[in-house]
Amino acid sequence: MIDLIHTILRESWEILLDSSVYILFGLVIAGMLNIVLSPSFILNHLGAGRFSSVIKAAFFGVPLPL
């Protein structure tokens, strides 16, 4: 039983190490977008409850998992 827990923890650590480069890349891109785009700009385009806001949010959210 302890071997199973050790294996799960070791493999979880390996997955974290493999994905750490992509996590850091995402954080850098998010930081750059935070500097370039003002919060009021985001609220004007995505903050209202209109149908176009939902379409824009879905369009910009599609490439995020990629």
N, C-alpha and C. Protein backbone atom coordinates (compact mmCIF):
# COMPACT_ATOMS: atom_id res chain seq x y z
N MET A 1 0.82 -1.19 0.00
CA MET A 1 0.00 0.00 0.00
C MET A 1 0.87 1.27 0.00
N ILE A 2 1.93 1.23 0.78
CA ILE A 2 2.82 2.39 0.83
C ILE A 2 3.55 2.57 -0.50
N ASP A 3 3.81 1.46 -1.19
CA ASP A 3 4.45 1.55 -2.52
C ASP A 3 3.53 2.24 -3.51
N LEU A 4 2.24 1.94 -3.42
CA LEU A 4 1.27 2.57 -4.32
C LEU A 4 1.24 4.08 -4.09
N ILE A 5 1.20 4.50 -2.85
CA ILE A 5 1.18 5.93 -2.53
C ILE A 5 2.47 6.59 -3.00
N HIS A 6 3.58 5.92 -2.78
CA HIS A 6 4.88 6.48 -3.22
C HIS A 6 4.92 6.61 -4.74
N THR A 7 4.41 5.63 -5.45
CA THR A 7 4.39 5.67 -6.92
C THR A 7 3.48 6.80 -7.42
N ILE A 8 2.33 6.95 -6.79
CA ILE A 8 1.41 8.02 -7.20
C ILE A 8 2.05 9.38 -6.97
N LEU A 9 2.67 9.58 -5.83
CA LEU A 9 3.32 10.86 -5.55
C LEU A 9 4.49 11.13 -6.50
N ARG A 10 5.27 10.09 -6.79
CA ARG A 10 6.41 10.26 -7.70
C ARG A 10 5.94 10.61 -9.10
N GLU A 11 4.91 9.91 -9.59
CA GLU A 11 4.41 10.20 -10.94
C GLU A 11 3.73 11.56 -11.00
N SER A 12 3.06 11.96 -9.94
CA SER A 12 2.45 13.30 -9.90
C SER A 12 3.52 14.37 -9.97
N TRP A 13 4.64 14.15 -9.27
CA TRP A 13 5.75 15.09 -9.32
C TRP A 13 6.34 15.17 -10.72
N GLU A 14 6.45 14.03 -11.40
CA GLU A 14 6.99 14.01 -12.76
C GLU A 14 6.08 14.77 -13.72
N ILE A 15 4.77 14.61 -13.55
CA ILE A 15 3.83 15.34 -14.40
C ILE A 15 3.95 16.83 -14.15
N LEU A 16 4.08 17.23 -12.89
CA LEU A 16 4.26 18.64 -12.56
C LEU A 16 5.53 19.19 -13.18
N LEU A 17 6.61 18.44 -13.13
CA LEU A 17 7.87 18.90 -13.73
C LEU A 17 7.75 19.01 -15.25
N ASP A 18 7.05 18.06 -15.87
CA ASP A 18 6.88 18.12 -17.33
C ASP A 18 6.03 19.32 -17.75
N SER A 19 5.04 19.67 -16.96
CA SER A 19 4.14 20.76 -17.35
C SER A 19 4.60 22.12 -16.83
N SER A 20 5.64 22.18 -16.04
CA SER A 20 6.06 23.45 -15.43
C SER A 20 6.49 24.49 -16.46
N VAL A 21 7.10 24.06 -17.55
CA VAL A 21 7.50 25.00 -18.60
C VAL A 21 6.28 25.69 -19.20
N TYR A 22 5.23 24.91 -19.44
CA TYR A 22 4.02 25.47 -20.03
C TYR A 22 3.28 26.35 -19.05
N ILE A 23 3.32 26.00 -17.77
CA ILE A 23 2.69 26.84 -16.75
C ILE A 23 3.41 28.18 -16.67
N LEU A 24 4.72 28.16 -16.67
CA LEU A 24 5.49 29.42 -16.64
C LEU A 24 5.25 30.25 -17.89
N PHE A 25 5.18 29.60 -19.04
CA PHE A 25 4.89 30.31 -20.29
C PHE A 25 3.52 30.98 -20.22
N GLY A 26 2.53 30.28 -19.69
CA GLY A 26 1.20 30.85 -19.54
C GLY A 26 1.17 32.03 -18.58
N LEU A 27 1.94 31.93 -17.51
CA LEU A 27 2.01 33.04 -16.56
C LEU A 27 2.67 34.27 -17.18
N VAL A 28 3.70 34.05 -17.98
CA VAL A 28 4.37 35.18 -18.65
C VAL A 28 3.42 35.85 -19.64
N ILE A 29 2.71 35.05 -20.42
CA ILE A 29 1.75 35.61 -21.39
C ILE A 29 0.64 36.36 -20.66
N ALA A 30 0.13 35.79 -19.57
CA ALA A 30 -0.92 36.47 -18.79
C ALA A 30 -0.41 37.78 -18.21
N GLY A 31 0.83 37.81 -17.75
CA GLY A 31 1.41 39.04 -17.23
C GLY A 31 1.57 40.09 -18.30
N MET A 32 1.98 39.67 -19.48
CA MET A 32 2.13 40.62 -20.59
C MET A 32 0.77 41.17 -21.01
N LEU A 33 -0.25 40.32 -21.04
CA LEU A 33 -1.59 40.79 -21.39
C LEU A 33 -2.12 41.75 -20.33
N ASN A 34 -1.78 41.49 -19.08
CA ASN A 34 -2.22 42.38 -18.01
C ASN A 34 -1.58 43.76 -18.15
N ILE A 35 -0.36 43.83 -18.64
CA ILE A 35 0.32 45.11 -18.84
C ILE A 35 -0.25 45.83 -20.06
N VAL A 36 -0.50 45.09 -21.13
CA VAL A 36 -0.92 45.70 -22.39
C VAL A 36 -2.40 46.09 -22.38
N LEU A 37 -3.26 45.22 -21.86
CA LEU A 37 -4.69 45.47 -21.89
C LEU A 37 -5.16 46.02 -20.55
N SER A 38 -5.91 47.11 -20.59
CA SER A 38 -6.42 47.69 -19.35
C SER A 38 -7.68 46.93 -18.92
N PRO A 39 -7.96 46.90 -17.63
CA PRO A 39 -9.18 46.22 -17.15
C PRO A 39 -10.46 46.83 -17.73
N SER A 40 -10.48 48.13 -17.97
CA SER A 40 -11.68 48.74 -18.54
C SER A 40 -11.92 48.25 -19.98
N PHE A 41 -10.85 48.01 -20.71
CA PHE A 41 -10.99 47.48 -22.07
C PHE A 41 -11.63 46.09 -22.03
N ILE A 42 -11.18 45.26 -21.09
CA ILE A 42 -11.74 43.91 -20.96
C ILE A 42 -13.20 43.98 -20.54
N LEU A 43 -13.52 44.84 -19.59
CA LEU A 43 -14.90 44.96 -19.14
C LEU A 43 -15.82 45.48 -20.24
N ASN A 44 -15.33 46.37 -21.07
CA ASN A 44 -16.16 46.88 -22.17
C ASN A 44 -16.50 45.78 -23.17
N HIS A 45 -15.56 44.87 -23.41
CA HIS A 45 -15.80 43.84 -24.42
C HIS A 45 -16.39 42.56 -23.85
N LEU A 46 -16.05 42.22 -22.62
CA LEU A 46 -16.49 40.94 -22.08
C LEU A 46 -17.33 41.07 -20.82
N GLY A 47 -17.48 42.26 -20.26
CA GLY A 47 -18.15 42.41 -18.98
C GLY A 47 -19.66 42.51 -19.05
N ALA A 48 -20.17 42.99 -20.14
CA ALA A 48 -21.62 43.13 -20.25
C ALA A 48 -22.26 41.76 -20.46
N GLY A 49 -23.51 41.64 -20.11
CA GLY A 49 -24.19 40.36 -20.21
C GLY A 49 -24.82 40.10 -21.57
N ARG A 50 -24.31 40.69 -22.59
CA ARG A 50 -24.89 40.53 -23.92
C ARG A 50 -24.41 39.25 -24.60
N PHE A 51 -25.09 38.88 -25.64
CA PHE A 51 -24.75 37.68 -26.40
C PHE A 51 -23.38 37.82 -27.06
N SER A 52 -23.05 39.00 -27.55
CA SER A 52 -21.75 39.20 -28.21
C SER A 52 -20.59 39.01 -27.22
N SER A 53 -20.80 39.36 -25.94
CA SER A 53 -19.76 39.15 -24.94
C SER A 53 -19.48 37.67 -24.74
N VAL A 54 -20.53 36.87 -24.77
CA VAL A 54 -20.37 35.42 -24.61
C VAL A 54 -19.63 34.84 -25.80
N ILE A 55 -19.95 35.29 -26.99
CA ILE A 55 -19.27 34.81 -28.21
C ILE A 55 -17.80 35.20 -28.19
N LYS A 56 -17.50 36.43 -27.80
CA LYS A 56 -16.10 36.88 -27.73
C LYS A 56 -15.32 36.08 -26.69
N ALA A 57 -15.93 35.85 -25.52
CA ALA A 57 -15.26 35.09 -24.46
C ALA A 57 -15.00 33.66 -24.91
N ALA A 58 -15.95 33.05 -25.60
CA ALA A 58 -15.76 31.69 -26.10
C ALA A 58 -14.67 31.66 -27.17
N PHE A 59 -14.65 32.66 -28.04
CA PHE A 59 -13.65 32.72 -29.11
C PHE A 59 -12.23 32.85 -28.54
N PHE A 60 -12.08 33.71 -27.52
CA PHE A 60 -10.76 33.90 -26.92
C PHE A 60 -10.39 32.77 -25.98
N GLY A 61 -11.38 32.05 -25.45
CA GLY A 61 -11.10 30.97 -24.52
C GLY A 61 -10.77 29.65 -25.18
N VAL A 62 -11.09 29.50 -26.47
CA VAL A 62 -10.83 28.24 -27.18
C VAL A 62 -9.35 27.90 -27.22
N PRO A 63 -8.43 28.82 -27.56
CA PRO A 63 -7.02 28.43 -27.65
C PRO A 63 -6.31 28.27 -26.30
N LEU A 64 -6.96 28.61 -25.20
CA LEU A 64 -6.28 28.53 -23.91
C LEU A 64 -5.79 27.12 -23.56
N PRO A 65 -6.58 26.07 -23.76
CA PRO A 65 -6.05 24.74 -23.44
C PRO A 65 -4.94 24.29 -24.39
N LEU A 66 -4.85 24.90 -25.56
CA LEU A 66 -3.83 24.49 -26.53
C LEU A 66 -2.49 25.02 -26.11
